[in-house]
Amino acid sequence: MELAICVFYKILIVILRLIKTFTTFGESKEIYLAMGATKTEEFTTQENRTAQLAKAFAHPARVAILRLLAEKKACVCGDLVDELPLSQATVSQHLKELKRIGIIKGEIDPPRVCYCINEVVWEEAKQTFESLLSTLKPATCC
């Protein structure tokens, strides 16, 4: 009986960690439950925020979008897709992530959509990375 209970719990754990059969638009995807994998609560608020800001620069498409917006020095209204080698859906997904992080601001008033750099968060990112990168102490062991 104990063996059966042990096997049951192991199977339950496997099922909880891996859930298949999530379907979106006819496309099958696998969803993995994080089950404590990220443990963000174990880190400081500043460490978590630094990771969020780093995510804004963690994909070349987002870097290209940020560079484009920064170079314009103004809000970009209209279609960013015309200036990037990406599909509308891809650009929209990256804009959504950048807006979630807070590094861009946007107004959506169809058919007009405008985006620009959030200068407060841009400065926060600049100071955060300067502070982090300046903490390097040369290693003598490697």
N, C-alpha and C. Protein backbone atom coordinates (compact mmCIF):
# COMPACT_ATOMS: atom_id res chain seq x y z
N MET A 1 0.82 -1.20 0.00
CA MET A 1 0.00 0.00 0.00
C MET A 1 0.86 1.26 0.00
N GLU A 2 1.94 1.28 0.81
CA GLU A 2 2.82 2.45 0.84
C GLU A 2 3.48 2.67 -0.51
N LEU A 3 3.84 1.59 -1.18
CA LEU A 3 4.46 1.69 -2.50
C LEU A 3 3.48 2.33 -3.49
N ALA A 4 2.21 1.93 -3.42
CA ALA A 4 1.19 2.49 -4.31
C ALA A 4 1.01 3.99 -4.07
N ILE A 5 1.02 4.40 -2.82
CA ILE A 5 0.89 5.83 -2.49
C ILE A 5 2.10 6.60 -2.98
N CYS A 6 3.29 6.02 -2.81
CA CYS A 6 4.52 6.67 -3.26
C CYS A 6 4.49 6.84 -4.78
N VAL A 7 4.10 5.81 -5.50
CA VAL A 7 4.01 5.88 -6.95
C VAL A 7 2.97 6.92 -7.37
N PHE A 8 1.84 6.94 -6.68
CA PHE A 8 0.78 7.91 -6.97
C PHE A 8 1.31 9.34 -6.85
N TYR A 9 2.03 9.63 -5.77
CA TYR A 9 2.56 10.97 -5.57
C TYR A 9 3.61 11.33 -6.62
N LYS A 10 4.43 10.38 -7.00
CA LYS A 10 5.43 10.65 -8.04
C LYS A 10 4.76 10.97 -9.37
N ILE A 11 3.71 10.21 -9.69
CA ILE A 11 2.96 10.47 -10.92
C ILE A 11 2.29 11.82 -10.85
N LEU A 12 1.71 12.15 -9.70
CA LEU A 12 1.05 13.43 -9.53
C LEU A 12 2.04 14.58 -9.72
N ILE A 13 3.23 14.44 -9.19
CA ILE A 13 4.26 15.47 -9.35
C ILE A 13 4.61 15.65 -10.81
N VAL A 14 4.78 14.56 -11.52
CA VAL A 14 5.10 14.64 -12.95
C VAL A 14 3.97 15.34 -13.70
N ILE A 15 2.74 15.00 -13.40
CA ILE A 15 1.60 15.62 -14.06
C ILE A 15 1.55 17.12 -13.77
N LEU A 16 1.82 17.49 -12.54
CA LEU A 16 1.79 18.91 -12.18
C LEU A 16 2.91 19.69 -12.84
N ARG A 17 4.06 19.06 -13.04
CA ARG A 17 5.19 19.75 -13.65
C ARG A 17 5.04 19.92 -15.15
N LEU A 18 4.38 19.00 -15.77
CA LEU A 18 4.25 19.06 -17.23
C LEU A 18 2.80 18.90 -17.62
N ILE A 19 2.25 19.93 -18.18
CA ILE A 19 0.87 19.86 -18.66
C ILE A 19 0.91 20.06 -20.16
N LYS A 20 0.41 19.07 -20.88
CA LYS A 20 0.33 19.20 -22.33
C LYS A 20 -1.12 19.50 -22.69
N THR A 21 -1.38 19.65 -23.90
CA THR A 21 -2.73 19.86 -24.42
C THR A 21 -3.26 21.26 -24.23
N PHE A 22 -2.43 22.24 -24.25
CA PHE A 22 -2.89 23.61 -24.29
C PHE A 22 -2.91 24.00 -25.76
N THR A 23 -4.04 24.33 -26.26
CA THR A 23 -4.16 24.60 -27.69
C THR A 23 -4.60 26.03 -27.92
N THR A 24 -3.88 26.71 -28.78
CA THR A 24 -4.22 28.07 -29.16
C THR A 24 -4.24 28.13 -30.68
N PHE A 25 -5.34 28.54 -31.24
CA PHE A 25 -5.47 28.69 -32.69
C PHE A 25 -5.03 27.42 -33.42
N GLY A 26 -5.40 26.28 -32.89
CA GLY A 26 -5.09 25.02 -33.54
C GLY A 26 -3.64 24.60 -33.40
N GLU A 27 -2.86 25.35 -32.65
CA GLU A 27 -1.44 25.06 -32.52
C GLU A 27 -1.21 24.47 -31.13
N SER A 28 -0.69 23.27 -31.07
CA SER A 28 -0.47 22.61 -29.79
C SER A 28 0.81 23.16 -29.15
N LYS A 29 0.73 23.48 -27.90
CA LYS A 29 1.89 23.98 -27.16
C LYS A 29 2.03 23.21 -25.86
N GLU A 30 3.23 23.16 -25.34
CA GLU A 30 3.45 22.54 -24.05
C GLU A 30 3.62 23.63 -23.01
N ILE A 31 3.02 23.43 -21.86
CA ILE A 31 3.16 24.38 -20.77
C ILE A 31 3.87 23.67 -19.64
N TYR A 32 4.93 24.25 -19.16
CA TYR A 32 5.64 23.70 -18.02
C TYR A 32 5.37 24.60 -16.83
N LEU A 33 4.94 24.03 -15.76
CA LEU A 33 4.71 24.81 -14.55
C LEU A 33 6.05 25.09 -13.89
N ALA A 34 6.25 26.30 -13.48
CA ALA A 34 7.53 26.71 -12.91
C ALA A 34 7.80 26.05 -11.57
N MET A 35 6.81 25.73 -10.80
CA MET A 35 6.94 25.07 -9.51
C MET A 35 8.19 25.50 -8.74
N GLY A 36 8.33 26.78 -8.54
CA GLY A 36 9.45 27.27 -7.74
C GLY A 36 10.74 27.42 -8.52
N ALA A 37 10.71 27.25 -9.82
CA ALA A 37 11.92 27.30 -10.61
C ALA A 37 12.55 28.69 -10.60
N THR A 38 11.76 29.74 -10.60
CA THR A 38 12.33 31.07 -10.66
C THR A 38 12.71 31.60 -9.28
N LYS A 39 11.93 31.31 -8.29
CA LYS A 39 12.20 31.73 -6.91
C LYS A 39 12.51 33.22 -6.80
N THR A 40 11.77 34.04 -7.53
CA THR A 40 12.04 35.48 -7.51
C THR A 40 11.89 36.08 -6.12
N GLU A 41 11.07 35.46 -5.29
CA GLU A 41 10.87 35.98 -3.95
C GLU A 41 12.13 35.83 -3.08
N GLU A 42 13.09 35.03 -3.55
CA GLU A 42 14.34 34.83 -2.81
C GLU A 42 15.33 35.97 -3.05
N PHE A 43 15.03 36.85 -4.00
CA PHE A 43 15.95 37.92 -4.36
C PHE A 43 15.39 39.27 -3.94
N THR A 44 16.26 40.25 -3.87
CA THR A 44 15.83 41.58 -3.46
C THR A 44 14.98 42.22 -4.54
N THR A 45 14.26 43.25 -4.15
CA THR A 45 13.46 44.00 -5.11
C THR A 45 14.36 44.58 -6.20
N GLN A 46 15.53 45.07 -5.82
CA GLN A 46 16.46 45.66 -6.79
C GLN A 46 16.98 44.59 -7.76
N GLU A 47 17.28 43.41 -7.26
CA GLU A 47 17.75 42.33 -8.15
C GLU A 47 16.66 41.92 -9.14
N ASN A 48 15.43 41.83 -8.66
CA ASN A 48 14.32 41.49 -9.55
C ASN A 48 14.09 42.59 -10.58
N ARG A 49 14.19 43.85 -10.17
CA ARG A 49 13.99 44.95 -11.11
C ARG A 49 15.11 44.99 -12.14
N THR A 50 16.34 44.74 -11.70
CA THR A 50 17.47 44.69 -12.63
C THR A 50 17.24 43.61 -13.69
N ALA A 51 16.73 42.47 -13.26
CA ALA A 51 16.44 41.38 -14.21
C ALA A 51 15.33 41.79 -15.19
N GLN A 52 14.32 42.50 -14.70
CA GLN A 52 13.26 42.98 -15.59
C GLN A 52 13.83 43.94 -16.63
N LEU A 53 14.64 44.88 -16.18
CA LEU A 53 15.24 45.85 -17.10
C LEU A 53 16.15 45.15 -18.11
N ALA A 54 16.90 44.16 -17.64
CA ALA A 54 17.78 43.41 -18.54
C ALA A 54 16.98 42.69 -19.61
N LYS A 55 15.78 42.23 -19.25
CA LYS A 55 14.94 41.53 -20.22
C LYS A 55 14.56 42.44 -21.39
N ALA A 56 14.47 43.73 -21.14
CA ALA A 56 14.16 44.67 -22.22
C ALA A 56 15.25 44.64 -23.29
N PHE A 57 16.49 44.34 -22.90
CA PHE A 57 17.63 44.32 -23.83
C PHE A 57 18.06 42.91 -24.20
N ALA A 58 17.26 41.92 -23.81
CA ALA A 58 17.66 40.52 -23.96
C ALA A 58 17.28 39.89 -25.29
N HIS A 59 16.72 40.66 -26.20
CA HIS A 59 16.35 40.13 -27.51
C HIS A 59 16.72 41.17 -28.56
N PRO A 60 17.34 40.76 -29.65
CA PRO A 60 17.76 41.74 -30.65
C PRO A 60 16.61 42.56 -31.23
N ALA A 61 15.42 41.98 -31.30
CA ALA A 61 14.27 42.74 -31.80
C ALA A 61 13.92 43.88 -30.86
N ARG A 62 13.97 43.62 -29.54
CA ARG A 62 13.67 44.67 -28.58
C ARG A 62 14.77 45.74 -28.59
N VAL A 63 16.01 45.32 -28.76
CA VAL A 63 17.12 46.29 -28.87
C VAL A 63 16.90 47.18 -30.09
N ALA A 64 16.51 46.58 -31.21
CA ALA A 64 16.27 47.36 -32.43
C ALA A 64 15.12 48.34 -32.23
N ILE A 65 14.06 47.90 -31.57
CA ILE A 65 12.92 48.78 -31.31
C ILE A 65 13.34 49.93 -30.40
N LEU A 66 14.07 49.62 -29.34
CA LEU A 66 14.53 50.66 -28.42
C LEU A 66 15.47 51.65 -29.12
N ARG A 67 16.37 51.12 -29.94
CA ARG A 67 17.30 52.01 -30.66
C ARG A 67 16.53 52.93 -31.61
N LEU A 68 15.56 52.37 -32.31
CA LEU A 68 14.74 53.16 -33.22
C LEU A 68 14.01 54.27 -32.48
N LEU A 69 13.40 53.93 -31.36
CA LEU A 69 12.66 54.94 -30.58
C LEU A 69 13.61 55.98 -29.98
N ALA A 70 14.76 55.53 -29.50
CA ALA A 70 15.73 56.46 -28.90
C ALA A 70 16.30 57.42 -29.94
N GLU A 71 16.57 56.93 -31.14
CA GLU A 71 17.13 57.78 -32.19
C GLU A 71 16.13 58.82 -32.69
N LYS A 72 14.85 58.50 -32.64
CA LYS A 72 13.82 59.44 -33.10
C LYS A 72 13.69 60.64 -32.16
N LYS A 73 14.01 60.43 -30.89
CA LYS A 73 13.89 61.48 -29.87
C LYS A 73 12.49 62.08 -29.84
N ALA A 74 11.52 61.28 -30.23
CA ALA A 74 10.12 61.72 -30.22
C ALA A 74 9.26 60.47 -30.27
N CYS A 75 7.98 60.65 -30.06
CA CYS A 75 7.08 59.52 -30.17
C CYS A 75 6.98 59.08 -31.62
N VAL A 76 6.97 57.79 -31.81
CA VAL A 76 6.81 57.22 -33.14
C VAL A 76 5.36 56.82 -33.28
N CYS A 77 4.68 57.47 -34.19
CA CYS A 77 3.28 57.15 -34.46
C CYS A 77 3.22 56.43 -35.79
N GLY A 78 2.45 55.41 -35.84
CA GLY A 78 2.35 54.65 -37.08
C GLY A 78 2.96 53.29 -36.91
N ASP A 79 3.32 52.72 -38.02
CA ASP A 79 3.74 51.34 -38.03
C ASP A 79 5.25 51.19 -37.91
N LEU A 80 5.73 50.65 -36.82
CA LEU A 80 7.15 50.36 -36.67
C LEU A 80 7.57 49.21 -37.57
N VAL A 81 6.60 48.43 -38.01
CA VAL A 81 6.90 47.27 -38.85
C VAL A 81 7.59 47.68 -40.14
N ASP A 82 7.25 48.86 -40.65
CA ASP A 82 7.87 49.34 -41.89
C ASP A 82 9.37 49.55 -41.75
N GLU A 83 9.83 49.75 -40.53
CA GLU A 83 11.24 50.03 -40.31
C GLU A 83 12.01 48.86 -39.72
N LEU A 84 11.34 47.74 -39.51
CA LEU A 84 11.97 46.56 -38.92
C LEU A 84 11.71 45.33 -39.79
N PRO A 85 12.66 44.39 -39.81
CA PRO A 85 12.47 43.18 -40.61
C PRO A 85 11.66 42.12 -39.86
N LEU A 86 10.55 42.54 -39.27
CA LEU A 86 9.74 41.65 -38.44
C LEU A 86 8.27 41.76 -38.83
N SER A 87 7.52 40.72 -38.50
CA SER A 87 6.08 40.74 -38.77
C SER A 87 5.37 41.64 -37.76
N GLN A 88 4.16 42.03 -38.11
CA GLN A 88 3.35 42.87 -37.21
C GLN A 88 3.15 42.18 -35.86
N ALA A 89 2.87 40.89 -35.89
CA ALA A 89 2.62 40.14 -34.65
C ALA A 89 3.87 40.13 -33.76
N THR A 90 5.03 39.96 -34.37
CA THR A 90 6.28 39.93 -33.60
C THR A 90 6.57 41.29 -32.99
N VAL A 91 6.42 42.34 -33.77
CA VAL A 91 6.64 43.70 -33.26
C VAL A 91 5.67 43.99 -32.13
N SER A 92 4.42 43.64 -32.31
CA SER A 92 3.41 43.88 -31.27
C SER A 92 3.76 43.17 -29.98
N GLN A 93 4.22 41.93 -30.07
CA GLN A 93 4.59 41.16 -28.88
C GLN A 93 5.76 41.81 -28.15
N HIS A 94 6.76 42.26 -28.91
CA HIS A 94 7.92 42.91 -28.27
C HIS A 94 7.53 44.26 -27.67
N LEU A 95 6.67 45.02 -28.35
CA LEU A 95 6.20 46.29 -27.79
C LEU A 95 5.43 46.05 -26.49
N LYS A 96 4.63 45.01 -26.47
CA LYS A 96 3.87 44.67 -25.27
C LYS A 96 4.82 44.38 -24.10
N GLU A 97 5.87 43.62 -24.36
CA GLU A 97 6.84 43.29 -23.31
C GLU A 97 7.59 44.54 -22.85
N LEU A 98 8.00 45.37 -23.77
CA LEU A 98 8.71 46.60 -23.41
C LEU A 98 7.81 47.54 -22.60
N LYS A 99 6.55 47.59 -22.96
CA LYS A 99 5.61 48.42 -22.22
C LYS A 99 5.36 47.84 -20.82
N ARG A 100 5.29 46.51 -20.72
CA ARG A 100 5.08 45.86 -19.42
C ARG A 100 6.25 46.18 -18.48
N ILE A 101 7.45 46.17 -19.02
CA ILE A 101 8.64 46.48 -18.23
C ILE A 101 8.65 47.96 -17.85
N GLY A 102 8.04 48.78 -18.71
CA GLY A 102 7.93 50.20 -18.42
C GLY A 102 8.92 51.07 -19.17
N ILE A 103 9.77 50.47 -19.98
CA ILE A 103 10.81 51.25 -20.65
C ILE A 103 10.28 52.04 -21.84
N ILE A 104 9.09 51.70 -22.31
CA ILE A 104 8.43 52.53 -23.32
C ILE A 104 7.04 52.90 -22.83
N LYS A 105 6.55 54.00 -23.38
CA LYS A 105 5.19 54.43 -23.12
C LYS A 105 4.45 54.35 -24.45
N GLY A 106 3.17 54.14 -24.37
CA GLY A 106 2.42 54.07 -25.61
C GLY A 106 0.98 54.49 -25.43
N GLU A 107 0.47 55.09 -26.47
CA GLU A 107 -0.94 55.46 -26.52
C GLU A 107 -1.58 54.67 -27.65
N ILE A 108 -2.64 54.00 -27.32
CA ILE A 108 -3.36 53.24 -28.33
C ILE A 108 -4.73 53.86 -28.48
N ASP A 109 -4.90 54.58 -29.56
CA ASP A 109 -6.16 55.23 -29.87
C ASP A 109 -6.43 54.95 -31.35
N PRO A 110 -6.91 53.71 -31.64
CA PRO A 110 -7.05 53.28 -33.03
C PRO A 110 -7.71 54.35 -33.89
N PRO A 111 -7.21 54.51 -35.09
CA PRO A 111 -6.16 53.71 -35.73
C PRO A 111 -4.75 54.20 -35.41
N ARG A 112 -4.62 55.15 -34.54
CA ARG A 112 -3.32 55.74 -34.23
C ARG A 112 -2.70 55.06 -33.00
N VAL A 113 -1.44 54.65 -33.16
CA VAL A 113 -0.69 54.05 -32.06
C VAL A 113 0.65 54.78 -31.99
N CYS A 114 0.98 55.31 -30.83
CA CYS A 114 2.23 56.05 -30.66
C CYS A 114 3.04 55.43 -29.52
N TYR A 115 4.34 55.32 -29.75
CA TYR A 115 5.24 54.79 -28.72
C TYR A 115 6.43 55.72 -28.59
N CYS A 116 6.96 55.80 -27.36
CA CYS A 116 8.20 56.54 -27.14
C CYS A 116 8.90 55.97 -25.92
N ILE A 117 10.16 56.33 -25.78
CA ILE A 117 10.95 55.90 -24.63
C ILE A 117 10.40 56.58 -23.38
N ASN A 118 10.26 55.81 -22.31
CA ASN A 118 9.91 56.36 -21.01
C ASN A 118 11.23 56.82 -20.39
N GLU A 119 11.48 58.12 -20.43
CA GLU A 119 12.78 58.66 -20.03
C GLU A 119 13.13 58.37 -18.58
N VAL A 120 12.14 58.27 -17.71
CA VAL A 120 12.40 57.97 -16.30
C VAL A 120 12.94 56.55 -16.16
N VAL A 121 12.31 55.60 -16.83
CA VAL A 121 12.75 54.20 -16.74
C VAL A 121 14.04 54.00 -17.52
N TRP A 122 14.22 54.73 -18.62
CA TRP A 122 15.47 54.66 -19.38
C TRP A 122 16.64 55.08 -18.48
N GLU A 123 16.46 56.17 -17.74
CA GLU A 123 17.49 56.63 -16.81
C GLU A 123 17.71 55.62 -15.69
N GLU A 124 16.62 55.02 -15.21
CA GLU A 124 16.73 53.97 -14.19
C GLU A 124 17.58 52.81 -14.70
N ALA A 125 17.32 52.38 -15.94
CA ALA A 125 18.09 51.28 -16.53
C ALA A 125 19.56 51.66 -16.66
N LYS A 126 19.81 52.88 -17.13
CA LYS A 126 21.18 53.36 -17.29
C LYS A 126 21.93 53.33 -15.96
N GLN A 127 21.31 53.88 -14.92
CA GLN A 127 21.95 53.90 -13.60
C GLN A 127 22.11 52.50 -13.02
N THR A 128 21.11 51.66 -13.22
CA THR A 128 21.15 50.29 -12.70
C THR A 128 22.31 49.52 -13.31
N PHE A 129 22.44 49.59 -14.64
CA PHE A 129 23.51 48.83 -15.30
C PHE A 129 24.88 49.43 -15.05
N GLU A 130 24.97 50.76 -14.99
CA GLU A 130 26.24 51.39 -14.64
C GLU A 130 26.69 50.95 -13.26
N SER A 131 25.76 50.93 -12.31
CA SER A 131 26.08 50.51 -10.95
C SER A 131 26.51 49.05 -10.90
N LEU A 132 25.76 48.21 -11.58
CA LEU A 132 26.07 46.78 -11.59
C LEU A 132 27.42 46.52 -12.24
N LEU A 133 27.66 47.13 -13.39
CA LEU A 133 28.88 46.86 -14.14
C LEU A 133 30.11 47.50 -13.49
N SER A 134 29.92 48.51 -12.67
CA SER A 134 31.07 49.14 -12.01
C SER A 134 31.50 48.39 -10.75
N THR A 135 30.77 47.36 -10.37
CA THR A 135 31.12 46.60 -9.17
C THR A 135 32.23 45.57 -9.42
N LEU A 136 32.66 45.42 -10.66
CA LEU A 136 33.68 44.42 -11.00
C LEU A 136 34.98 44.72 -10.27
N LYS A 137 35.48 43.73 -9.61
CA LYS A 137 36.81 43.79 -9.01
C LYS A 137 37.65 42.76 -9.76
N PRO A 138 38.76 43.19 -10.36
CA PRO A 138 39.56 42.27 -11.17
C PRO A 138 39.92 41.00 -10.39
N ALA A 139 39.71 39.88 -11.03
CA ALA A 139 40.02 38.58 -10.41
C ALA A 139 41.49 38.27 -10.60
N THR A 140 42.06 37.63 -9.60
CA THR A 140 43.46 37.25 -9.70
C THR A 140 43.59 35.74 -9.88
N CYS A 141 42.46 35.05 -9.88
CA CYS A 141 42.51 33.59 -9.92
C CYS A 141 42.34 33.00 -11.33
N CYS A 142 41.80 33.72 -12.26
CA CYS A 142 41.50 33.13 -13.58
C CYS A 142 42.39 33.69 -14.65
